[in-house]
Every structure is written in structure tokens, then in C-alpha cells.
Amino acid sequence: MAIINRELIIDLAARYKLPAIYPFRFFAESGGLLAYGPDVADQYRRAAAYVDRILKGVKPGELPVEQSTKLDLILNVKTAKALGIEVPAQLLARADEVIE
């Protein structure tokens, strides 16, 4: 539901000057302040490896449940400026991507 209505959510956060952190990259790309969450492309690659193992005969019940190990931190500096937020240099340095 949040993904479908992300434009509305981002617009409301901006209107009320609320800094918000979102779970996926495309929220920051759409104007959200910050996104911190799993790298979806990495999850698809890992899922493909699972499918490969299953097709080679491994029983699905024998495969371990895995947690995301690669997380993305995306920062939208343009939105930060609009909200009047000064982004610390440490956060800028740690970001995987900075949107100007």
C-alpha cells in the first residue's frame, strides 16, 4: 500500500516538514529524504541461486532461511535542503548514493 501511494506519502511529509526514512531506493529517487533498506537486486540474485539449487535436486526444506546482508543507504540532499536539514558529513560519506 505504501509503495502504491509513495508520491502522496512523500508529498505529505514535505508539506508538513517531516523528515522520513523509507525502506526502498525508489522512495528517495521520488523525492523522499532517506532510504535505508535491502538491495532488491541483490535479493533477486540470491533468490536465483536458491532456484538453481532446487533445480539441481536440493530439497527446499533443507535450504537455510537467509537475511539480507547488503543494505543500501540513499540520501536525497535536495529534499534535505528543502526541509532545512543540514546533513552531517559522516552521513554523506557513508551513503551508497547521494541524490543532488
N, C-alpha and C. Protein backbone atom coordinates (compact mmCIF):
# COMPACT_ATOMS: atom_id res chain seq x y z
N MET A 1 0.82 -1.20 0.00
CA MET A 1 0.00 0.00 0.00
C MET A 1 0.87 1.27 0.00
N ALA A 2 1.94 1.23 0.78
CA ALA A 2 2.81 2.41 0.85
C ALA A 2 3.53 2.64 -0.47
N ILE A 3 3.90 1.55 -1.15
CA ILE A 3 4.60 1.70 -2.42
C ILE A 3 3.69 2.34 -3.46
N ILE A 4 2.46 1.90 -3.51
CA ILE A 4 1.50 2.45 -4.47
C ILE A 4 1.25 3.93 -4.20
N ASN A 5 1.21 4.31 -2.93
CA ASN A 5 0.90 5.69 -2.54
C ASN A 5 2.15 6.48 -2.15
N ARG A 6 3.32 6.07 -2.64
CA ARG A 6 4.55 6.72 -2.19
C ARG A 6 4.60 8.21 -2.54
N GLU A 7 4.09 8.60 -3.69
CA GLU A 7 4.10 10.02 -4.06
C GLU A 7 3.30 10.84 -3.04
N LEU A 8 2.14 10.35 -2.67
CA LEU A 8 1.31 11.03 -1.68
C LEU A 8 2.02 11.11 -0.34
N ILE A 9 2.62 10.02 0.09
CA ILE A 9 3.32 9.97 1.37
C ILE A 9 4.49 10.95 1.37
N ILE A 10 5.27 10.95 0.31
CA ILE A 10 6.41 11.86 0.21
C ILE A 10 5.94 13.31 0.17
N ASP A 11 4.89 13.60 -0.57
CA ASP A 11 4.35 14.96 -0.63
C ASP A 11 3.84 15.44 0.73
N LEU A 12 3.16 14.57 1.46
CA LEU A 12 2.67 14.95 2.79
C LEU A 12 3.81 15.19 3.76
N ALA A 13 4.84 14.36 3.71
CA ALA A 13 6.00 14.56 4.58
C ALA A 13 6.66 15.89 4.27
N ALA A 14 6.77 16.24 2.99
CA ALA A 14 7.37 17.52 2.60
C ALA A 14 6.50 18.69 3.03
N ARG A 15 5.21 18.56 2.84
CA ARG A 15 4.29 19.65 3.19
C ARG A 15 4.37 19.99 4.68
N TYR A 16 4.47 18.96 5.51
CA TYR A 16 4.49 19.18 6.95
C TYR A 16 5.91 19.19 7.53
N LYS A 17 6.90 19.27 6.62
CA LYS A 17 8.31 19.38 7.01
C LYS A 17 8.73 18.24 7.94
N LEU A 18 8.31 17.03 7.60
CA LEU A 18 8.66 15.85 8.40
C LEU A 18 9.78 15.07 7.73
N PRO A 19 10.91 14.94 8.40
CA PRO A 19 11.95 14.08 7.83
C PRO A 19 11.49 12.63 7.95
N ALA A 20 11.69 11.86 6.91
CA ALA A 20 11.23 10.47 6.92
C ALA A 20 12.26 9.56 6.28
N ILE A 21 12.34 8.36 6.80
CA ILE A 21 13.21 7.33 6.25
C ILE A 21 12.32 6.27 5.62
N TYR A 22 12.66 5.89 4.41
CA TYR A 22 11.85 4.94 3.65
C TYR A 22 12.61 3.63 3.44
N PRO A 23 11.90 2.55 3.12
CA PRO A 23 12.57 1.24 3.04
C PRO A 23 13.25 0.90 1.72
N PHE A 24 12.95 1.63 0.65
CA PHE A 24 13.50 1.27 -0.65
C PHE A 24 14.05 2.48 -1.38
N ARG A 25 15.03 2.23 -2.23
CA ARG A 25 15.72 3.24 -3.01
C ARG A 25 14.77 4.17 -3.77
N PHE A 26 13.74 3.61 -4.39
CA PHE A 26 12.88 4.43 -5.26
C PHE A 26 12.10 5.48 -4.49
N PHE A 27 11.99 5.35 -3.16
CA PHE A 27 11.36 6.41 -2.37
C PHE A 27 12.25 7.66 -2.39
N ALA A 28 13.55 7.49 -2.19
CA ALA A 28 14.47 8.63 -2.23
C ALA A 28 14.56 9.19 -3.64
N GLU A 29 14.53 8.32 -4.63
CA GLU A 29 14.56 8.78 -6.02
C GLU A 29 13.31 9.59 -6.36
N SER A 30 12.21 9.31 -5.67
CA SER A 30 10.94 10.02 -5.90
C SER A 30 10.82 11.29 -5.07
N GLY A 31 11.87 11.62 -4.28
CA GLY A 31 11.84 12.86 -3.51
C GLY A 31 11.85 12.66 -2.01
N GLY A 32 11.88 11.43 -1.53
CA GLY A 32 11.97 11.18 -0.10
C GLY A 32 13.35 11.55 0.43
N LEU A 33 13.44 11.84 1.71
CA LEU A 33 14.69 12.28 2.31
C LEU A 33 15.77 11.20 2.31
N LEU A 34 15.42 10.03 2.82
CA LEU A 34 16.42 9.00 3.02
C LEU A 34 15.79 7.63 2.83
N ALA A 35 16.53 6.74 2.21
CA ALA A 35 16.08 5.36 2.08
C ALA A 35 17.16 4.45 2.65
N TYR A 36 16.76 3.53 3.50
CA TYR A 36 17.69 2.56 4.08
C TYR A 36 16.98 1.22 4.10
N GLY A 37 17.48 0.32 3.29
CA GLY A 37 16.84 -0.98 3.23
C GLY A 37 17.61 -1.94 2.35
N PRO A 38 17.04 -3.11 2.15
CA PRO A 38 17.74 -4.14 1.39
C PRO A 38 17.96 -3.75 -0.07
N ASP A 39 19.06 -4.22 -0.61
CA ASP A 39 19.35 -4.06 -2.03
C ASP A 39 18.50 -5.10 -2.75
N VAL A 40 17.45 -4.65 -3.42
CA VAL A 40 16.48 -5.55 -4.05
C VAL A 40 17.13 -6.38 -5.15
N ALA A 41 18.01 -5.79 -5.93
CA ALA A 41 18.69 -6.54 -6.99
C ALA A 41 19.51 -7.68 -6.40
N ASP A 42 20.17 -7.42 -5.27
CA ASP A 42 20.94 -8.47 -4.59
C ASP A 42 20.01 -9.59 -4.12
N GLN A 43 18.84 -9.24 -3.63
CA GLN A 43 17.88 -10.26 -3.19
C GLN A 43 17.43 -11.14 -4.35
N TYR A 44 17.23 -10.54 -5.51
CA TYR A 44 16.83 -11.33 -6.69
C TYR A 44 17.95 -12.29 -7.10
N ARG A 45 19.19 -11.81 -7.05
CA ARG A 45 20.32 -12.69 -7.39
C ARG A 45 20.39 -13.87 -6.42
N ARG A 46 20.19 -13.59 -5.15
CA ARG A 46 20.24 -14.65 -4.15
C ARG A 46 19.08 -15.62 -4.33
N ALA A 47 17.92 -15.11 -4.69
CA ALA A 47 16.77 -15.98 -4.95
C ALA A 47 17.05 -16.88 -6.15
N ALA A 48 17.71 -16.34 -7.16
CA ALA A 48 18.06 -17.14 -8.33
C ALA A 48 19.00 -18.28 -7.94
N ALA A 49 19.91 -18.02 -7.02
CA ALA A 49 20.81 -19.08 -6.55
C ALA A 49 20.03 -20.17 -5.83
N TYR A 50 19.00 -19.79 -5.09
CA TYR A 50 18.13 -20.77 -4.43
C TYR A 50 17.41 -21.63 -5.47
N VAL A 51 16.86 -20.99 -6.48
CA VAL A 51 16.15 -21.72 -7.54
C VAL A 51 17.11 -22.69 -8.21
N ASP A 52 18.32 -22.23 -8.47
CA ASP A 52 19.32 -23.09 -9.10
C ASP A 52 19.58 -24.34 -8.25
N ARG A 53 19.73 -24.15 -6.97
CA ARG A 53 19.99 -25.30 -6.08
C ARG A 53 18.80 -26.25 -6.05
N ILE A 54 17.60 -25.70 -6.04
CA ILE A 54 16.39 -26.55 -6.03
C ILE A 54 16.30 -27.35 -7.32
N LEU A 55 16.58 -26.70 -8.44
CA LEU A 55 16.53 -27.39 -9.73
C LEU A 55 17.60 -28.47 -9.85
N LYS A 56 18.65 -28.33 -9.07
CA LYS A 56 19.71 -29.34 -9.06
C LYS A 56 19.45 -30.46 -8.06
N GLY A 57 18.26 -30.41 -7.40
CA GLY A 57 17.87 -31.52 -6.55
C GLY A 57 17.86 -31.29 -5.06
N VAL A 58 18.31 -30.14 -4.58
CA VAL A 58 18.27 -29.86 -3.14
C VAL A 58 16.82 -29.64 -2.74
N LYS A 59 16.41 -30.27 -1.65
CA LYS A 59 15.04 -30.09 -1.16
C LYS A 59 14.90 -28.69 -0.57
N PRO A 60 13.83 -27.98 -0.92
CA PRO A 60 13.65 -26.62 -0.41
C PRO A 60 13.68 -26.56 1.12
N GLY A 61 13.16 -27.58 1.78
CA GLY A 61 13.15 -27.58 3.24
C GLY A 61 14.54 -27.69 3.86
N GLU A 62 15.52 -28.09 3.05
CA GLU A 62 16.89 -28.20 3.55
C GLU A 62 17.69 -26.91 3.39
N LEU A 63 17.15 -25.96 2.64
CA LEU A 63 17.84 -24.69 2.43
C LEU A 63 17.62 -23.77 3.63
N PRO A 64 18.66 -23.07 4.04
CA PRO A 64 18.51 -22.16 5.18
C PRO A 64 17.72 -20.90 4.80
N VAL A 65 17.08 -20.32 5.78
CA VAL A 65 16.43 -19.02 5.59
C VAL A 65 17.53 -17.98 5.73
N GLU A 66 17.61 -17.09 4.78
CA GLU A 66 18.66 -16.07 4.81
C GLU A 66 18.07 -14.68 5.01
N GLN A 67 18.88 -13.85 5.63
CA GLN A 67 18.51 -12.46 5.84
C GLN A 67 19.34 -11.60 4.89
N SER A 68 18.80 -10.48 4.49
CA SER A 68 19.55 -9.58 3.61
C SER A 68 20.86 -9.18 4.27
N THR A 69 21.92 -9.22 3.49
CA THR A 69 23.22 -8.84 4.02
C THR A 69 23.71 -7.54 3.40
N LYS A 70 23.13 -7.14 2.29
CA LYS A 70 23.53 -5.90 1.63
C LYS A 70 22.39 -4.90 1.76
N LEU A 71 22.67 -3.81 2.45
CA LEU A 71 21.68 -2.75 2.64
C LEU A 71 22.16 -1.49 1.94
N ASP A 72 21.22 -0.75 1.39
CA ASP A 72 21.53 0.50 0.69
C ASP A 72 21.13 1.68 1.56
N LEU A 73 21.97 2.71 1.56
CA LEU A 73 21.66 3.99 2.21
C LEU A 73 21.68 5.04 1.11
N ILE A 74 20.52 5.57 0.79
CA ILE A 74 20.36 6.57 -0.26
C ILE A 74 19.89 7.86 0.39
N LEU A 75 20.57 8.95 0.10
CA LEU A 75 20.27 10.24 0.70
C LEU A 75 19.93 11.25 -0.38
N ASN A 76 18.81 11.94 -0.21
CA ASN A 76 18.38 12.96 -1.17
C ASN A 76 18.70 14.34 -0.56
N VAL A 77 19.81 14.92 -1.02
CA VAL A 77 20.28 16.20 -0.49
C VAL A 77 19.32 17.34 -0.84
N LYS A 78 18.73 17.27 -2.01
CA LYS A 78 17.77 18.30 -2.44
C LYS A 78 16.59 18.37 -1.45
N THR A 79 16.09 17.21 -1.05
CA THR A 79 14.99 17.17 -0.09
C THR A 79 15.45 17.66 1.28
N ALA A 80 16.66 17.30 1.67
CA ALA A 80 17.20 17.76 2.96
C ALA A 80 17.25 19.29 3.00
N LYS A 81 17.71 19.90 1.92
CA LYS A 81 17.76 21.37 1.85
C LYS A 81 16.37 21.97 1.93
N ALA A 82 15.41 21.35 1.25
CA ALA A 82 14.02 21.85 1.27
C ALA A 82 13.43 21.76 2.68
N LEU A 83 13.86 20.77 3.45
CA LEU A 83 13.37 20.61 4.81
C LEU A 83 14.17 21.42 5.82
N GLY A 84 15.25 22.06 5.36
CA GLY A 84 16.10 22.85 6.25
C GLY A 84 17.00 21.99 7.12
N ILE A 85 17.37 20.82 6.62
CA ILE A 85 18.20 19.89 7.38
C ILE A 85 19.62 19.95 6.84
N GLU A 86 20.57 20.14 7.74
CA GLU A 86 21.97 20.09 7.36
C GLU A 86 22.45 18.66 7.55
N VAL A 87 22.89 18.05 6.48
CA VAL A 87 23.29 16.65 6.51
C VAL A 87 24.73 16.56 7.01
N PRO A 88 24.97 15.79 8.07
CA PRO A 88 26.33 15.63 8.57
C PRO A 88 27.25 14.98 7.53
N ALA A 89 28.49 15.40 7.52
CA ALA A 89 29.47 14.87 6.57
C ALA A 89 29.63 13.36 6.72
N GLN A 90 29.54 12.87 7.94
CA GLN A 90 29.67 11.42 8.17
C GLN A 90 28.57 10.64 7.45
N LEU A 91 27.36 11.17 7.47
CA LEU A 91 26.24 10.51 6.81
C LEU A 91 26.44 10.55 5.29
N LEU A 92 26.89 11.68 4.78
CA LEU A 92 27.17 11.78 3.35
C LEU A 92 28.24 10.78 2.92
N ALA A 93 29.25 10.62 3.76
CA ALA A 93 30.35 9.71 3.44
C ALA A 93 29.91 8.25 3.46
N ARG A 94 28.96 7.92 4.30
CA ARG A 94 28.50 6.52 4.43
C ARG A 94 27.44 6.15 3.42
N ALA A 95 26.83 7.14 2.79
CA ALA A 95 25.75 6.87 1.84
C ALA A 95 26.26 6.12 0.62
N ASP A 96 25.48 5.13 0.17
CA ASP A 96 25.80 4.42 -1.05
C ASP A 96 25.53 5.28 -2.27
N GLU A 97 24.56 6.17 -2.14
CA GLU A 97 24.22 7.09 -3.23
C GLU A 97 23.70 8.38 -2.63
N VAL A 98 24.13 9.49 -3.23
CA VAL A 98 23.65 10.81 -2.82
C VAL A 98 22.95 11.43 -4.02
N ILE A 99 21.69 11.78 -3.84
CA ILE A 99 20.92 12.41 -4.91
C ILE A 99 20.98 13.91 -4.70
N GLU A 100 21.48 14.61 -5.71
CA GLU A 100 21.65 16.07 -5.63
C GLU A 100 20.40 16.78 -6.07
